[in-house]
PDB file of N, CA and C in Angstrom:
ATOM      1  N   MET A   1     214.573  34.104 215.860  1.00  0.00           N
ATOM      2  CA  MET A   1     213.488  35.165 215.950  1.00  0.00           C
ATOM      3  C   MET A   1     213.767  35.490 217.529  1.00  0.00           C
ATOM      4  N   THR A   2     213.762  36.727 217.539  1.00  0.00           N
ATOM      5  CA  THR A   2     213.720  37.468 218.728  1.00  0.00           C
ATOM      6  C   THR A   2     212.528  37.422 219.659  1.00  0.00           C
ATOM      7  N   ARG A   3     212.429  37.004 220.630  1.00  0.00           N
ATOM      8  CA  ARG A   3     211.183  36.884 221.520  1.00  0.00           C
ATOM      9  C   ARG A   3     210.650  38.209 222.286  1.00  0.00           C
ATOM     10  N   LEU A   4     209.681  38.875 221.905  1.00  0.00           N
ATOM     11  CA  LEU A   4     209.364  40.058 222.381  1.00  0.00           C
ATOM     12  C   LEU A   4     207.977  40.024 223.168  1.00  0.00           C
ATOM     13  N   LEU A   5     208.003  40.633 224.544  1.00  0.00           N
ATOM     14  CA  LEU A   5     206.691  40.726 225.500  1.00  0.00           C
ATOM     15  C   LEU A   5     206.339  42.395 225.051  1.00  0.00           C
ATOM     16  N   ILE A   6     205.200  42.303 224.694  1.00  0.00           N
ATOM     17  CA  ILE A   6     204.281  43.772 224.617  1.00  0.00           C
ATOM     18  C   ILE A   6     203.217  43.641 225.591  1.00  0.00           C
ATOM     19  N   VAL A   7     203.168  44.630 226.566  1.00  0.00           N
ATOM     20  CA  VAL A   7     202.190  45.076 227.286  1.00  0.00           C
ATOM     21  C   VAL A   7     201.408  46.376 227.089  1.00  0.00           C
ATOM     22  N   GLU A   8     200.419  46.184 226.247  1.00  0.00           N
ATOM     23  CA  GLU A   8     199.550  47.610 225.939  1.00  0.00           C
ATOM     24  C   GLU A   8     198.103  47.239 226.074  1.00  0.00           C
ATOM     25  N   ASN A   9     197.365  47.940 226.896  1.00  0.00           N
ATOM     26  CA  ASN A   9     196.036  47.857 227.096  1.00  0.00           C
ATOM     27  C   ASN A   9     194.950  48.030 225.786  1.00  0.00           C
ATOM     28  N   ASP A  10     195.342  48.996 224.753  1.00  0.00           N
ATOM     29  CA  ASP A  10     194.630  49.212 223.996  1.00  0.00           C
ATOM     30  C   ASP A  10     194.713  48.237 222.906  1.00  0.00           C
ATOM     31  N   ARG A  11     193.568  47.420 222.694  1.00  0.00           N
ATOM     32  CA  ARG A  11     193.649  46.318 221.902  1.00  0.00           C
ATOM     33  C   ARG A  11     193.934  46.710 220.406  1.00  0.00           C
ATOM     34  N   ALA A  12     193.495  47.592 219.585  1.00  0.00           N
ATOM     35  CA  ALA A  12     193.756  48.193 218.327  1.00  0.00           C
ATOM     36  C   ALA A  12     195.275  48.345 218.299  1.00  0.00           C
ATOM     37  N   LEU A  13     195.904  49.050 218.965  1.00  0.00           N
ATOM     38  CA  LEU A  13     197.456  49.218 219.021  1.00  0.00           C
ATOM     39  C   LEU A  13     198.084  48.190 219.223  1.00  0.00           C
ATOM     40  N   ARG A  14     197.727  47.469 220.296  1.00  0.00           N
ATOM     41  CA  ARG A  14     198.230  45.937 220.665  1.00  0.00           C
ATOM     42  C   ARG A  14     198.487  45.104 219.330  1.00  0.00           C
ATOM     43  N   THR A  15     197.337  45.194 218.999  1.00  0.00           N
ATOM     44  CA  THR A  15     197.174  44.127 217.444  1.00  0.00           C
ATOM     45  C   THR A  15     197.963  44.710 216.343  1.00  0.00           C
ATOM     46  N   MET A  16     198.145  46.028 216.053  1.00  0.00           N
ATOM     47  CA  MET A  16     198.776  46.773 215.293  1.00  0.00           C
ATOM     48  C   MET A  16     200.244  46.592 215.368  1.00  0.00           C
ATOM     49  N   LEU A  17     200.751  46.764 216.396  1.00  0.00           N
ATOM     50  CA  LEU A  17     202.209  46.349 216.710  1.00  0.00           C
ATOM     51  C   LEU A  17     202.576  44.877 216.732  1.00  0.00           C
ATOM     52  N   CYS A  18     201.730  44.192 217.153  1.00  0.00           N
ATOM     53  CA  CYS A  18     202.107  42.591 216.954  1.00  0.00           C
ATOM     54  C   CYS A  18     202.179  42.291 215.305  1.00  0.00           C
ATOM     55  N   TRP A  19     201.375  42.711 214.610  1.00  0.00           N
ATOM     56  CA  TRP A  19     201.313  42.411 213.078  1.00  0.00           C
ATOM     57  C   TRP A  19     202.674  43.009 212.698  1.00  0.00           C
ATOM     58  N   GLU A  20     202.604  44.293 212.625  1.00  0.00           N
ATOM     59  CA  GLU A  20     203.925  45.090 212.355  1.00  0.00           C
ATOM     60  C   GLU A  20     205.425  44.187 212.833  1.00  0.00           C
ATOM     61  N   LEU A  21     205.426  44.032 214.058  1.00  0.00           N
ATOM     62  CA  LEU A  21     206.778  43.608 214.480  1.00  0.00           C
ATOM     63  C   LEU A  21     206.889  42.010 214.349  1.00  0.00           C
ATOM     64  N   GLU A  22     205.915  41.316 213.913  1.00  0.00           N
ATOM     65  CA  GLU A  22     206.089  40.012 213.466  1.00  0.00           C
ATOM     66  C   GLU A  22     206.667  40.178 212.173  1.00  0.00           C
ATOM     67  N   GLU A  23     206.144  41.128 211.290  1.00  0.00           N
ATOM     68  CA  GLU A  23     206.634  41.150 209.899  1.00  0.00           C
ATOM     69  C   GLU A  23     207.923  41.608 209.828  1.00  0.00           C
ATOM     70  N   LEU A  24     208.554  42.247 210.978  1.00  0.00           N
ATOM     71  CA  LEU A  24     209.799  42.701 211.239  1.00  0.00           C
ATOM     72  C   LEU A  24     210.723  41.439 211.395  1.00  0.00           C
ATOM     73  N   GLY A  25     209.976  40.386 212.020  1.00  0.00           N
ATOM     74  CA  GLY A  25     210.899  39.187 212.408  1.00  0.00           C
ATOM     75  C   GLY A  25     210.866  38.962 213.930  1.00  0.00           C
ATOM     76  N   TYR A  26     209.931  39.456 214.722  1.00  0.00           N
ATOM     77  CA  TYR A  26     209.997  39.251 216.001  1.00  0.00           C
ATOM     78  C   TYR A  26     208.891  38.075 216.364  1.00  0.00           C
ATOM     79  N   GLU A  27     209.110  37.347 217.411  1.00  0.00           N
ATOM     80  CA  GLU A  27     208.159  36.575 217.987  1.00  0.00           C
ATOM     81  C   GLU A  27     207.459  37.294 219.104  1.00  0.00           C
ATOM     82  N   VAL A  28     206.213  37.402 218.914  1.00  0.00           N
ATOM     83  CA  VAL A  28     205.575  38.506 219.774  1.00  0.00           C
ATOM     84  C   VAL A  28     204.640  37.646 221.092  1.00  0.00           C
ATOM     85  N   THR A  29     204.605  38.170 222.043  1.00  0.00           N
ATOM     86  CA  THR A  29     203.686  37.544 222.725  1.00  0.00           C
ATOM     87  C   THR A  29     203.063  39.067 223.547  1.00  0.00           C
ATOM     88  N   ALA A  30     201.769  38.999 223.305  1.00  0.00           N
ATOM     89  CA  ALA A  30     201.061  40.396 223.798  1.00  0.00           C
ATOM     90  C   ALA A  30     200.136  40.235 224.939  1.00  0.00           C
ATOM     91  N   THR A  31     200.045  40.992 225.761  1.00  0.00           N
ATOM     92  CA  THR A  31     199.390  40.998 227.086  1.00  0.00           C
ATOM     93  C   THR A  31     198.574  42.414 227.103  1.00  0.00           C
ATOM     94  N   ALA A  32     197.485  42.530 228.020  1.00  0.00           N
ATOM     95  CA  ALA A  32     196.818  43.524 228.061  1.00  0.00           C
ATOM     96  C   ALA A  32     196.912  44.266 229.310  1.00  0.00           C
ATOM     97  N   ASN A  33     197.529  44.004 230.407  1.00  0.00           N
ATOM     98  CA  ASN A  33     197.665  44.245 231.814  1.00  0.00           C
ATOM     99  C   ASN A  33     198.868  43.805 232.519  1.00  0.00           C
ATOM    100  N   CYS A  34     199.138  44.267 233.501  1.00  0.00           N
ATOM    101  CA  CYS A  34     200.101  43.570 234.611  1.00  0.00           C
ATOM    102  C   CYS A  34     200.117  42.124 234.841  1.00  0.00           C
ATOM    103  N   ARG A  35     198.678  41.839 235.087  1.00  0.00           N
ATOM    104  CA  ARG A  35     198.590  40.260 235.630  1.00  0.00           C
ATOM    105  C   ARG A  35     198.967  39.579 234.766  1.00  0.00           C
ATOM    106  N   GLU A  36     198.752  40.064 233.188  1.00  0.00           N
ATOM    107  CA  GLU A  36     198.796  38.783 232.106  1.00  0.00           C
ATOM    108  C   GLU A  36     200.400  39.084 231.893  1.00  0.00           C
ATOM    109  N   ALA A  37     201.151  40.107 231.984  1.00  0.00           N
ATOM    110  CA  ALA A  37     202.348  40.083 231.842  1.00  0.00           C
ATOM    111  C   ALA A  37     202.999  39.382 232.938  1.00  0.00           C
ATOM    112  N   PHE A  38     202.878  39.329 234.198  1.00  0.00           N
ATOM    113  CA  PHE A  38     203.486  38.551 235.070  1.00  0.00           C
ATOM    114  C   PHE A  38     203.308  37.275 234.779  1.00  0.00           C
ATOM    115  N   ILE A  39     202.103  36.788 234.230  1.00  0.00           N
ATOM    116  CA  ILE A  39     201.826  35.137 234.019  1.00  0.00           C
ATOM    117  C   ILE A  39     202.644  34.812 232.643  1.00  0.00           C
ATOM    118  N   ALA A  40     202.837  35.736 231.823  1.00  0.00           N
ATOM    119  CA  ALA A  40     203.635  35.517 230.467  1.00  0.00           C
ATOM    120  C   ALA A  40     205.201  35.299 230.712  1.00  0.00           C
ATOM    121  N   SER A  41     205.327  36.301 231.772  1.00  0.00           N
ATOM    122  CA  SER A  41     206.952  36.156 231.936  1.00  0.00           C
ATOM    123  C   SER A  41     207.159  34.845 232.784  1.00  0.00           C
ATOM    124  N   GLU A  42     206.376  34.076 233.489  1.00  0.00           N
ATOM    125  CA  GLU A  42     206.811  33.088 234.132  1.00  0.00           C
ATOM    126  C   GLU A  42     206.738  31.846 233.262  1.00  0.00           C
ATOM    127  N   LYS A  43     205.900  32.060 232.359  1.00  0.00           N
ATOM    128  CA  LYS A  43     205.654  30.874 231.501  1.00  0.00           C
ATOM    129  C   LYS A  43     206.904  30.910 230.431  1.00  0.00           C
ATOM    130  N   SER A  44     207.338  31.971 229.938  1.00  0.00           N
ATOM    131  CA  SER A  44     208.229  32.175 228.618  1.00  0.00           C
ATOM    132  C   SER A  44     209.404  33.036 228.872  1.00  0.00           C
ATOM    133  N   SER A  45     210.323  33.077 228.252  1.00  0.00           N
ATOM    134  CA  SER A  45     211.575  33.856 228.302  1.00  0.00           C
ATOM    135  C   SER A  45     211.445  34.954 227.153  1.00  0.00           C
ATOM    136  N   PHE A  46     211.882  35.977 227.328  1.00  0.00           N
ATOM    137  CA  PHE A  46     212.031  36.936 226.344  1.00  0.00           C
ATOM    138  C   PHE A  46     213.262  37.873 226.342  1.00  0.00           C
ATOM    139  N   GLU A  47     213.535  38.167 224.745  1.00  0.00           N
ATOM    140  CA  GLU A  47     214.910  38.904 224.826  1.00  0.00           C
ATOM    141  C   GLU A  47     214.858  40.390 224.675  1.00  0.00           C
ATOM    142  N   LEU A  48     213.132  41.100 224.679  1.00  0.00           N
ATOM    143  CA  LEU A  48     212.935  42.230 224.875  1.00  0.00           C
ATOM    144  C   LEU A  48     211.517  42.522 225.689  1.00  0.00           C
ATOM    145  N   ALA A  49     211.395  43.768 226.111  1.00  0.00           N
ATOM    146  CA  ALA A  49     209.719  43.918 226.473  1.00  0.00           C
ATOM    147  C   ALA A  49     209.478  45.395 226.045  1.00  0.00           C
ATOM    148  N   LEU A  50     208.259  45.525 225.442  1.00  0.00           N
ATOM    149  CA  LEU A  50     207.734  46.971 225.565  1.00  0.00           C
ATOM    150  C   LEU A  50     206.536  47.174 226.200  1.00  0.00           C
ATOM    151  N   LEU A  51     206.627  48.188 227.078  1.00  0.00           N
ATOM    152  CA  LEU A  51     205.708  48.275 228.139  1.00  0.00           C
ATOM    153  C   LEU A  51     204.713  49.577 228.118  1.00  0.00           C
ATOM    154  N   ASP A  52     203.436  49.636 228.016  1.00  0.00           N
ATOM    155  CA  ASP A  52     202.859  50.729 228.156  1.00  0.00           C
ATOM    156  C   ASP A  52     203.001  51.253 229.747  1.00  0.00           C
ATOM    157  N   TYR A  53     202.989  52.271 229.985  1.00  0.00           N
ATOM    158  CA  TYR A  53     203.182  53.155 231.135  1.00  0.00           C
ATOM    159  C   TYR A  53     201.811  52.767 231.998  1.00  0.00           C
ATOM    160  N   ASN A  54     200.606  53.310 231.315  1.00  0.00           N
ATOM    161  CA  ASN A  54     199.552  53.066 232.112  1.00  0.00           C
ATOM    162  C   ASN A  54     198.663  51.912 231.885  1.00  0.00           C
ATOM    163  N   LEU A  55     198.293  51.222 232.519  1.00  0.00           N
ATOM    164  CA  LEU A  55     197.685  50.017 232.407  1.00  0.00           C
ATOM    165  C   LEU A  55     196.418  49.691 233.455  1.00  0.00           C
ATOM    166  N   PRO A  56     195.466  48.853 232.960  1.00  0.00           N
ATOM    167  CA  PRO A  56     194.208  49.084 233.570  1.00  0.00           C
ATOM    168  C   PRO A  56     194.580  48.636 235.137  1.00  0.00           C
ATOM    169  N   ASP A  57     195.413  47.926 235.226  1.00  0.00           N
ATOM    170  CA  ASP A  57     195.365  47.339 236.931  1.00  0.00           C
ATOM    171  C   ASP A  57     196.901  47.744 237.370  1.00  0.00           C
ATOM    172  N   GLY A  58     197.432  48.766 236.930  1.00  0.00           N
ATOM    173  CA  GLY A  58     198.820  48.924 237.500  1.00  0.00           C
ATOM    174  C   GLY A  58     199.390  49.927 236.538  1.00  0.00           C
ATOM    175  N   VAL A  59     200.898  50.027 236.810  1.00  0.00           N
ATOM    176  CA  VAL A  59     201.564  50.842 235.762  1.00  0.00           C
ATOM    177  C   VAL A  59     202.692  49.860 235.223  1.00  0.00           C
ATOM    178  N   GLY A  60     203.328  50.284 234.243  1.00  0.00           N
ATOM    179  CA  GLY A  60     204.419  49.687 233.684  1.00  0.00           C
ATOM    180  C   GLY A  60     205.734  49.238 234.531  1.00  0.00           C
ATOM    181  N   THR A  61     205.944  50.145 235.120  1.00  0.00           N
ATOM    182  CA  THR A  61     206.979  50.179 236.228  1.00  0.00           C
ATOM    183  C   THR A  61     206.776  48.958 237.148  1.00  0.00           C
ATOM    184  N   SER A  62     205.794  48.302 237.371  1.00  0.00           N
ATOM    185  CA  SER A  62     205.583  47.366 238.294  1.00  0.00           C
ATOM    186  C   SER A  62     206.076  46.348 237.454  1.00  0.00           C
ATOM    187  N   VAL A  63     205.558  46.138 236.476  1.00  0.00           N
ATOM    188  CA  VAL A  63     206.275  45.211 235.318  1.00  0.00           C
ATOM    189  C   VAL A  63     207.580  45.184 235.063  1.00  0.00           C
ATOM    190  N   ILE A  64     208.231  46.510 235.087  1.00  0.00           N
ATOM    191  CA  ILE A  64     209.569  46.140 234.929  1.00  0.00           C
ATOM    192  C   ILE A  64     210.390  45.654 236.119  1.00  0.00           C
ATOM    193  N   ARG A  65     209.901  45.936 237.524  1.00  0.00           N
ATOM    194  CA  ARG A  65     210.261  45.530 238.497  1.00  0.00           C
ATOM    195  C   ARG A  65     210.282  43.836 238.579  1.00  0.00           C
ATOM    196  N   HIS A  66     209.191  43.309 238.222  1.00  0.00           N
ATOM    197  CA  HIS A  66     208.859  41.927 237.932  1.00  0.00           C
ATOM    198  C   HIS A  66     209.995  41.400 237.312  1.00  0.00           C
ATOM    199  N   LEU A  67     209.783  41.757 235.957  1.00  0.00           N
ATOM    200  CA  LEU A  67     211.034  41.254 234.831  1.00  0.00           C
ATOM    201  C   LEU A  67     212.045  41.591 235.332  1.00  0.00           C
ATOM    202  N   GLN A  68     212.861  42.554 235.956  1.00  0.00           N
ATOM    203  CA  GLN A  68     214.194  42.757 236.422  1.00  0.00           C
ATOM    204  C   GLN A  68     214.423  41.509 237.393  1.00  0.00           C
ATOM    205  N   ARG A  69     213.491  41.359 238.122  1.00  0.00           N
ATOM    206  CA  ARG A  69     213.774  40.156 239.248  1.00  0.00           C
ATOM    207  C   ARG A  69     213.984  38.776 238.702  1.00  0.00           C
ATOM    208  N   ASN A  70     212.897  38.567 237.572  1.00  0.00           N
ATOM    209  CA  ASN A  70     212.807  37.269 237.136  1.00  0.00           C
ATOM    210  C   ASN A  70     213.796  37.362 235.780  1.00  0.00           C
ATOM    211  N   HIS A  71     214.284  38.181 235.019  1.00  0.00           N
ATOM    212  CA  HIS A  71     215.089  38.216 233.974  1.00  0.00           C
ATOM    213  C   HIS A  71     216.019  39.064 233.909  1.00  0.00           C
ATOM    214  N   PRO A  72     217.193  39.222 234.867  1.00  0.00           N
ATOM    215  CA  PRO A  72     217.939  40.217 234.967  1.00  0.00           C
ATOM    216  C   PRO A  72     218.622  40.417 233.548  1.00  0.00           C
ATOM    217  N   GLY A  73     218.890  41.913 233.225  1.00  0.00           N
ATOM    218  CA  GLY A  73     219.352  42.289 232.114  1.00  0.00           C
ATOM    219  C   GLY A  73     218.560  42.373 230.967  1.00  0.00           C
ATOM    220  N   LEU A  74     217.245  42.265 231.052  1.00  0.00           N
ATOM    221  CA  LEU A  74     216.223  42.218 229.856  1.00  0.00           C
ATOM    222  C   LEU A  74     216.097  43.612 229.515  1.00  0.00           C
ATOM    223  N   PRO A  75     216.538  43.713 228.323  1.00  0.00           N
ATOM    224  CA  PRO A  75     216.187  45.527 227.971  1.00  0.00           C
ATOM    225  C   PRO A  75     214.550  45.790 227.927  1.00  0.00           C
ATOM    226  N   VAL A  76     214.215  46.626 228.354  1.00  0.00           N
ATOM    227  CA  VAL A  76     212.660  47.154 228.590  1.00  0.00           C
ATOM    228  C   VAL A  76     212.605  48.482 227.995  1.00  0.00           C
ATOM    229  N   VAL A  77     211.480  48.648 227.198  1.00  0.00           N
ATOM    230  CA  VAL A  77     211.405  49.992 226.800  1.00  0.00           C
ATOM    231  C   VAL A  77     209.802  50.103 227.122  1.00  0.00           C
ATOM    232  N   LEU A  78     209.841  51.418 227.947  1.00  0.00           N
ATOM    233  CA  LEU A  78     208.634  51.816 228.372  1.00  0.00           C
ATOM    234  C   LEU A  78     207.908  53.134 227.596  1.00  0.00           C
ATOM    235  N   TYR A  79     206.913  53.028 227.281  1.00  0.00           N
ATOM    236  CA  TYR A  79     206.224  54.136 226.430  1.00  0.00           C
ATOM    237  C   TYR A  79     205.259  54.598 226.972  1.00  0.00           C
ATOM    238  N   SER A  80     204.600  55.764 226.531  1.00  0.00           N
ATOM    239  CA  SER A  80     203.495  56.267 226.968  1.00  0.00           C
ATOM    240  C   SER A  80     203.357  57.393 226.111  1.00  0.00           C
ATOM    241  N   GLY A  81     201.645  57.758 226.065  1.00  0.00           N
ATOM    242  CA  GLY A  81     201.442  59.261 225.682  1.00  0.00           C
ATOM    243  C   GLY A  81     201.667  60.347 226.492  1.00  0.00           C
ATOM    244  N   ARG A  82     201.854  59.873 227.733  1.00  0.00           N
ATOM    245  CA  ARG A  82     202.216  61.279 228.767  1.00  0.00           C
ATOM    246  C   ARG A  82     203.788  61.573 228.600  1.00  0.00           C
ATOM    247  N   ASP A  83     204.210  62.302 229.016  1.00  0.00           N
ATOM    248  CA  ASP A  83     205.548  62.904 229.118  1.00  0.00           C
ATOM    249  C   ASP A  83     205.999  62.199 230.499  1.00  0.00           C
ATOM    250  N   LEU A  84     207.222  61.196 230.127  1.00  0.00           N
ATOM    251  CA  LEU A  84     207.852  60.214 231.208  1.00  0.00           C
ATOM    252  C   LEU A  84     209.219  60.890 231.425  1.00  0.00           C
ATOM    253  N   SER A  85     209.480  62.089 231.341  1.00  0.00           N
ATOM    254  CA  SER A  85     210.628  62.634 231.708  1.00  0.00           C
ATOM    255  C   SER A  85     210.697  63.237 233.093  1.00  0.00           C
ATOM    256  N   GLY A  86     209.694  62.737 233.850  1.00  0.00           N
ATOM    257  CA  GLY A  86     209.936  63.173 235.375  1.00  0.00           C
ATOM    258  C   GLY A  86     210.355  62.116 236.425  1.00  0.00           C
ATOM    259  N   VAL A  87     210.061  62.021 237.334  1.00  0.00           N
ATOM    260  CA  VAL A  87     210.652  61.258 238.589  1.00  0.00           C
ATOM    261  C   VAL A  87     210.511  59.832 238.053  1.00  0.00           C
ATOM    262  N   ALA A  88     209.317  59.124 237.917  1.00  0.00           N
ATOM    263  CA  ALA A  88     209.034  57.702 237.745  1.00  0.00           C
ATOM    264  C   ALA A  88     209.921  57.221 236.453  1.00  0.00           C
ATOM    265  N   ALA A  89     209.925  58.167 235.536  1.00  0.00           N
ATOM    266  CA  ALA A  89     211.067  57.730 234.388  1.00  0.00           C
ATOM    267  C   ALA A  89     212.245  57.654 234.950  1.00  0.00           C
ATOM    268  N   GLN A  90     212.768  58.832 235.328  1.00  0.00           N
ATOM    269  CA  GLN A  90     214.059  58.843 235.955  1.00  0.00           C
ATOM    270  C   GLN A  90     214.427  57.406 236.942  1.00  0.00           C
ATOM    271  N   GLU A  91     213.593  57.398 237.892  1.00  0.00           N
ATOM    272  CA  GLU A  91     214.075  56.288 238.697  1.00  0.00           C
ATOM    273  C   GLU A  91     214.023  54.762 238.030  1.00  0.00           C
ATOM    274  N   PHE A  92     213.151  54.550 237.047  1.00  0.00           N
ATOM    275  CA  PHE A  92     213.247  53.144 236.481  1.00  0.00           C
ATOM    276  C   PHE A  92     213.643  53.147 235.099  1.00  0.00           C
ATOM    277  N   CYS A  93     213.979  54.250 234.421  1.00  0.00           N
ATOM    278  CA  CYS A  93     214.421  53.648 233.331  1.00  0.00           C
ATOM    279  C   CYS A  93     215.953  54.131 233.084  1.00  0.00           C
ATOM    280  N   GLN A  94     216.661  52.958 233.813  1.00  0.00           N
ATOM    281  CA  GLN A  94     217.953  53.168 234.096  1.00  0.00           C
ATOM    282  C   GLN A  94     218.756  52.190 232.849  1.00  0.00           C
ATOM    283  N   GLU A  95     219.849  51.886 233.089  1.00  0.00           N
ATOM    284  CA  GLU A  95     220.763  51.082 232.144  1.00  0.00           C
ATOM    285  C   GLU A  95     219.905  50.224 231.172  1.00  0.00           C
ATOM    286  N   ARG A  96     219.068  49.375 231.627  1.00  0.00           N
ATOM    287  CA  ARG A  96     218.295  48.577 230.736  1.00  0.00           C
ATOM    288  C   ARG A  96     216.820  48.971 230.359  1.00  0.00           C
ATOM    289  N   CYS A  97     216.364  50.023 230.933  1.00  0.00           N
ATOM    290  CA  CYS A  97     215.060  50.531 230.400  1.00  0.00           C
ATOM    291  C   CYS A  97     215.150  52.043 229.606  1.00  0.00           C
ATOM    292  N   HIS A  98     214.600  51.864 228.509  1.00  0.00           N
ATOM    293  CA  HIS A  98     214.396  53.092 227.651  1.00  0.00           C
ATOM    294  C   HIS A  98     213.022  53.974 227.954  1.00  0.00           C
ATOM    295  N   CYS A  99     212.821  54.982 227.840  1.00  0.00           N
ATOM    296  CA  CYS A  99     211.519  55.714 227.582  1.00  0.00           C
ATOM    297  C   CYS A  99     211.424  56.481 226.455  1.00  0.00           C
ATOM    298  N   ILE A 100     210.411  56.088 225.758  1.00  0.00           N
ATOM    299  CA  ILE A 100     209.783  56.695 224.649  1.00  0.00           C
ATOM    300  C   ILE A 100     208.282  57.215 224.609  1.00  0.00           C
ATOM    301  N   SER A 101     207.882  58.270 223.939  1.00  0.00           N
ATOM    302  CA  SER A 101     206.672  58.608 223.899  1.00  0.00           C
ATOM    303  C   SER A 101     205.871  57.960 222.689  1.00  0.00           C
ATOM    304  N   LYS A 102     204.675  57.693 222.925  1.00  0.00           N
ATOM    305  CA  LYS A 102     203.544  57.450 221.643  1.00  0.00           C
ATOM    306  C   LYS A 102     203.000  58.776 221.211  1.00  0.00           C
ATOM    307  N   PRO A 103     202.936  58.713 219.733  1.00  0.00           N
ATOM    308  CA  PRO A 103     202.896  57.589 218.918  1.00  0.00           C
ATOM    309  C   PRO A 103     204.114  57.023 218.589  1.00  0.00           C
ATOM    310  N   VAL A 104     204.471  55.680 218.274  1.00  0.00           N
ATOM    311  CA  VAL A 104     205.926  55.356 217.708  1.00  0.00           C
ATOM    312  C   VAL A 104     205.613  54.358 216.794  1.00  0.00           C
ATOM    313  N   LYS A 105     206.357  54.448 215.590  1.00  0.00           N
ATOM    314  CA  LYS A 105     206.295  53.456 214.712  1.00  0.00           C
ATOM    315  C   LYS A 105     207.052  52.347 214.844  1.00  0.00           C
ATOM    316  N   ALA A 106     206.678  51.263 214.258  1.00  0.00           N
ATOM    317  CA  ALA A 106     207.170  50.002 214.423  1.00  0.00           C
ATOM    318  C   ALA A 106     208.655  49.833 213.835  1.00  0.00           C
ATOM    319  N   GLN A 107     208.905  50.719 213.060  1.00  0.00           N
ATOM    320  CA  GLN A 107     210.577  50.571 212.339  1.00  0.00           C
ATOM    321  C   GLN A 107     211.107  51.497 213.502  1.00  0.00           C
ATOM    322  N   VAL A 108     210.713  52.274 214.305  1.00  0.00           N
ATOM    323  CA  VAL A 108     211.455  53.138 215.109  1.00  0.00           C
ATOM    324  C   VAL A 108     211.768  52.356 216.314  1.00  0.00           C
ATOM    325  N   LEU A 109     210.674  51.620 216.750  1.00  0.00           N
ATOM    326  CA  LEU A 109     210.884  50.521 217.889  1.00  0.00           C
ATOM    327  C   LEU A 109     211.847  49.211 217.336  1.00  0.00           C
ATOM    328  N   HIS A 110     211.998  49.100 216.177  1.00  0.00           N
ATOM    329  CA  HIS A 110     212.885  48.006 215.519  1.00  0.00           C
ATOM    330  C   HIS A 110     214.360  48.365 215.744  1.00  0.00           C
ATOM    331  N   SER A 111     214.467  49.594 215.407  1.00  0.00           N
ATOM    332  CA  SER A 111     215.672  50.226 215.190  1.00  0.00           C
ATOM    333  C   SER A 111     216.400  50.384 216.889  1.00  0.00           C
ATOM    334  N   LEU A 112     215.494  50.705 217.832  1.00  0.00           N
ATOM    335  CA  LEU A 112     215.576  50.619 219.036  1.00  0.00           C
ATOM    336  C   LEU A 112     215.836  49.303 219.651  1.00  0.00           C
ATOM    337  N   PHE A 113     215.241  48.534 219.228  1.00  0.00           N
ATOM    338  CA  PHE A 113     215.315  46.930 219.591  1.00  0.00           C
ATOM    339  C   PHE A 113     216.829  46.425 219.212  1.00  0.00           C
ATOM    340  N   HIS A 114     216.929  46.581 217.911  1.00  0.00           N
ATOM    341  CA  HIS A 114     218.360  46.484 217.294  1.00  0.00           C
ATOM    342  C   HIS A 114     219.374  46.786 218.430  1.00  0.00           C
ATOM    343  N   ARG A 115     219.424  48.306 218.693  1.00  0.00           N
ATOM    344  CA  ARG A 115     220.433  48.939 219.439  1.00  0.00           C
ATOM    345  C   ARG A 115     220.747  48.243 220.914  1.00  0.00           C
ATOM    346  N   LEU A 116     219.305  48.150 221.327  1.00  0.00           N
ATOM    347  CA  LEU A 116     219.556  47.386 222.584  1.00  0.00           C
ATOM    348  C   LEU A 116     219.992  46.091 222.798  1.00  0.00           C
ATOM    349  N   LEU A 117     219.913  45.106 221.882  1.00  0.00           N
ATOM    350  CA  LEU A 117     220.033  43.849 221.789  1.00  0.00           C
ATOM    351  C   LEU A 117     221.877  43.796 221.343  1.00  0.00           C
ATOM    352  N   SER A 118     221.995  44.926 220.544  1.00  0.00           N
ATOM    353  CA  SER A 118     223.681  45.203 220.295  1.00  0.00           C
ATOM    354  C   SER A 118     224.238  45.502 221.650  1.00  0.00           C
ATOM    355  N   ASP A 119     223.740  46.352 222.357  1.00  0.00           N
ATOM    356  CA  ASP A 119     224.375  46.789 223.407  1.00  0.00           C
ATOM    357  C   ASP A 119     224.325  45.544 224.759  1.00  0.00           C
ATOM    358  N   ARG A 120     223.451  44.849 224.538  1.00  0.00           N
ATOM    359  CA  ARG A 120     223.439  43.490 225.446  1.00  0.00           C
ATOM    360  C   ARG A 120     224.639  42.813 225.180  1.00  0.00           C
ATOM    361  N   MET A 121     224.515  42.502 223.900  1.00  0.00           N
ATOM    362  CA  MET A 121     225.759  41.797 223.402  1.00  0.00           C
ATOM    363  C   MET A 121     227.169  41.923 223.683  1.00  0.00           C
ATOM    364  N   ASP A 122     227.279  43.390 223.762  1.00  0.00           N
ATOM    365  CA  ASP A 122     228.616  44.013 224.029  1.00  0.00           C
ATOM    366  C   ASP A 122     228.979  43.771 225.435  1.00  0.00           C
ATOM    367  N   VAL A 123     227.904  44.023 226.147  1.00  0.00           N
ATOM    368  CA  VAL A 123     227.934  43.804 227.930  1.00  0.00           C
ATOM    369  C   VAL A 123     228.487  42.474 228.116  1.00  0.00           C
ATOM    370  N   ALA A 124     227.550  41.663 227.479  1.00  0.00           N
ATOM    371  CA  ALA A 124     227.948  40.187 227.628  1.00  0.00           C
ATOM    372  C   ALA A 124     229.258  39.594 227.289  1.00  0.00           C
ATOM    373  N   GLY A 125     229.731  40.334 226.100  1.00  0.00           N
ATOM    374  CA  GLY A 125     230.945  40.223 225.473  1.00  0.00           C
ATOM    375  C   GLY A 125     232.114  40.453 226.375  1.00  0.00           C
ATOM    376  N   ARG A 126     231.909  41.339 227.266  1.00  0.00           N
ATOM    377  CA  ARG A 126     232.955  42.001 228.198  1.00  0.00           C
ATOM    378  C   ARG A 126     233.062  41.374 229.461  1.00  0.00           C
ATOM    379  N   GLU A 127     231.940  40.396 229.857  1.00  0.00           N
ATOM    380  CA  GLU A 127     231.749  39.848 231.057  1.00  0.00           C
ATOM    381  C   GLU A 127     232.597  38.458 231.164  1.00  0.00           C
TER     382      GLU A 127
END
């Protein structure tokens, strides 16, 4: 089972994503803010992360920095209802971070996650 961290402050959306992604075979840990995400990433390891950009105690990019320090190479998907094509997205959505817009269906996420994990395996195989 693929271990997935979801950081989403909207409780209904977080719950729906958990249900749908668990049905697709993910082991999901869901948090509602940056602080909870930091704690979860210290307690567990993850193979993927899905982060909302706007969180009650910060922005998803601060979680990305933390995850990249503690879990190098972790594929991260940053998503938002806002347009992320600006400077913040360009700065943080590098090789292991992908930006997408809300709303997004679980099946679309699943396809993206599959691609990210395949890319990660290809990179690991070349090293």
